[in-house]
Amino acid sequence: MGTILYVTAEVIRNVSILCQMIMPHSAQKLLDLLAVPQNKRDFSSLGDVARLSPGTSLPKPEGVFPRYIEPEGDGS
């Protein structure tokens, strides 16, 4: 389980770095949640170069994207 969570966090770290140009605010939130330092958020930190350190304390998780609530309509 620990390995799966670590690999998932690493994938999210890499995707967040790649998405910064498209979704800067959301990518920053994700990188903050993974405790990635500001100086390790550029393309040179992708892959094995700046992996997450196992055992790093992470902040309390928070939603990155607002929850979608379907508007109540007339039922049609």
C-alpha atoms as a PDB file:
ATOM      1  CA  MET A   1       0.000   0.000   0.000  1.00  0.00           C
ATOM      2  CA  GLY A   2       2.823   2.429   0.844  1.00  0.00           C
ATOM      3  CA  THR A   3       4.453   1.861  -2.533  1.00  0.00           C
ATOM      4  CA  ILE A   4       1.191   2.461  -4.369  1.00  0.00           C
ATOM      5  CA  LEU A   5       0.575   5.707  -2.489  1.00  0.00           C
ATOM      6  CA  TYR A   6       4.141   6.890  -3.117  1.00  0.00           C
ATOM      7  CA  VAL A   7       3.989   6.134  -6.842  1.00  0.00           C
ATOM      8  CA  THR A   8       0.605   7.870  -7.085  1.00  0.00           C
ATOM      9  CA  ALA A   9       1.989  10.957  -5.327  1.00  0.00           C
ATOM     10  CA  GLU A  10       4.986  10.968  -7.701  1.00  0.00           C
ATOM     11  CA  VAL A  11       2.703  10.806 -10.742  1.00  0.00           C
ATOM     12  CA  ILE A  12       0.618  13.671  -9.365  1.00  0.00           C
ATOM     13  CA  ARG A  13       3.812  15.678  -8.725  1.00  0.00           C
ATOM     14  CA  ASN A  14       4.998  15.226 -12.315  1.00  0.00           C
ATOM     15  CA  VAL A  15       1.576  15.961 -13.830  1.00  0.00           C
ATOM     16  CA  SER A  16       1.224  19.059 -11.631  1.00  0.00           C
ATOM     17  CA  ILE A  17       4.576  20.394 -12.812  1.00  0.00           C
ATOM     18  CA  LEU A  18       3.517  19.835 -16.423  1.00  0.00           C
ATOM     19  CA  CYS A  19       0.107  21.487 -15.868  1.00  0.00           C
ATOM     20  CA  GLN A  20       1.437  24.691 -14.303  1.00  0.00           C
ATOM     21  CA  MET A  21       1.322  26.538 -17.630  1.00  0.00           C
ATOM     22  CA  ILE A  22      -2.330  25.587 -18.204  1.00  0.00           C
ATOM     23  CA  MET A  23      -3.734  25.564 -14.667  1.00  0.00           C
ATOM     24  CA  PRO A  24      -1.271  27.499 -12.494  1.00  0.00           C
ATOM     25  CA  HIS A  25      -3.491  27.909  -9.428  1.00  0.00           C
ATOM     26  CA  SER A  26      -4.643  24.279  -9.278  1.00  0.00           C
ATOM     27  CA  ALA A  27      -1.160  22.913 -10.002  1.00  0.00           C
ATOM     28  CA  GLN A  28       0.269  25.089  -7.243  1.00  0.00           C
ATOM     29  CA  LYS A  29      -2.333  23.763  -4.788  1.00  0.00           C
ATOM     30  CA  LEU A  30      -1.457  20.166  -5.706  1.00  0.00           C
ATOM     31  CA  LEU A  31       2.270  20.811  -5.313  1.00  0.00           C
ATOM     32  CA  ASP A  32       1.618  22.501  -1.961  1.00  0.00           C
ATOM     33  CA  LEU A  33      -0.349  19.441  -0.811  1.00  0.00           C
ATOM     34  CA  LEU A  34       2.629  17.258  -1.745  1.00  0.00           C
ATOM     35  CA  ALA A  35       5.017  19.609   0.123  1.00  0.00           C
ATOM     36  CA  VAL A  36       7.110  20.194  -3.013  1.00  0.00           C
ATOM     37  CA  PRO A  37       9.520  23.103  -2.397  1.00  0.00           C
ATOM     38  CA  GLN A  38       9.167  26.175  -4.634  1.00  0.00           C
ATOM     39  CA  ASN A  39      12.618  25.607  -6.157  1.00  0.00           C
ATOM     40  CA  LYS A  40      11.644  22.100  -7.332  1.00  0.00           C
ATOM     41  CA  ARG A  41       8.591  23.005  -9.407  1.00  0.00           C
ATOM     42  CA  ASP A  42      10.140  23.516 -12.841  1.00  0.00           C
ATOM     43  CA  PHE A  43      10.653  21.165 -15.774  1.00  0.00           C
ATOM     44  CA  SER A  44      14.178  20.312 -14.634  1.00  0.00           C
ATOM     45  CA  SER A  45      12.607  18.636 -11.569  1.00  0.00           C
ATOM     46  CA  LEU A  46      10.585  16.126 -13.598  1.00  0.00           C
ATOM     47  CA  GLY A  47      11.259  12.413 -13.317  1.00  0.00           C
ATOM     48  CA  ASP A  48      13.856  10.960 -10.968  1.00  0.00           C
ATOM     49  CA  VAL A  49      15.738  14.223 -10.422  1.00  0.00           C
ATOM     50  CA  ALA A  50      13.639  15.618  -7.548  1.00  0.00           C
ATOM     51  CA  ARG A  51      11.509  12.762  -6.286  1.00  0.00           C
ATOM     52  CA  LEU A  52       9.426  13.142  -3.160  1.00  0.00           C
ATOM     53  CA  SER A  53      11.228  12.163   0.016  1.00  0.00           C
ATOM     54  CA  PRO A  54       9.561   9.181   1.688  1.00  0.00           C
ATOM     55  CA  GLY A  55       8.307  10.015   5.164  1.00  0.00           C
ATOM     56  CA  THR A  56       7.764  13.726   4.468  1.00  0.00           C
ATOM     57  CA  SER A  57       4.916  15.155   6.516  1.00  0.00           C
ATOM     58  CA  LEU A  58       2.120  16.424   4.312  1.00  0.00           C
ATOM     59  CA  PRO A  59      -0.404  19.116   5.185  1.00  0.00           C
ATOM     60  CA  LYS A  60      -4.047  18.282   5.793  1.00  0.00           C
ATOM     61  CA  PRO A  61      -5.609  17.450   2.409  1.00  0.00           C
ATOM     62  CA  GLU A  62      -7.982  19.991   0.929  1.00  0.00           C
ATOM     63  CA  GLY A  63      -9.976  20.055  -2.266  1.00  0.00           C
ATOM     64  CA  VAL A  64      -8.169  21.438  -5.283  1.00  0.00           C
ATOM     65  CA  PHE A  65     -11.192  21.866  -7.507  1.00  0.00           C
ATOM     66  CA  PRO A  66     -14.605  23.122  -6.358  1.00  0.00           C
ATOM     67  CA  ARG A  67     -17.263  20.485  -5.928  1.00  0.00           C
ATOM     68  CA  TYR A  68     -19.734  20.348  -8.794  1.00  0.00           C
ATOM     69  CA  ILE A  69     -23.332  20.601  -7.697  1.00  0.00           C
ATOM     70  CA  GLU A  70     -25.827  19.960 -10.441  1.00  0.00           C
ATOM     71  CA  PRO A  71     -28.309  22.801 -10.634  1.00  0.00           C
ATOM     72  CA  GLU A  72     -31.861  21.914  -9.869  1.00  0.00           C
ATOM     73  CA  GLY A  73     -33.874  22.196 -13.030  1.00  0.00           C
ATOM     74  CA  ASP A  74     -37.341  21.591 -14.244  1.00  0.00           C
ATOM     75  CA  GLY A  75     -36.642  17.869 -14.665  1.00  0.00           C
ATOM     76  CA  SER A  76     -36.432  17.818 -18.449  1.00  0.00           C
END
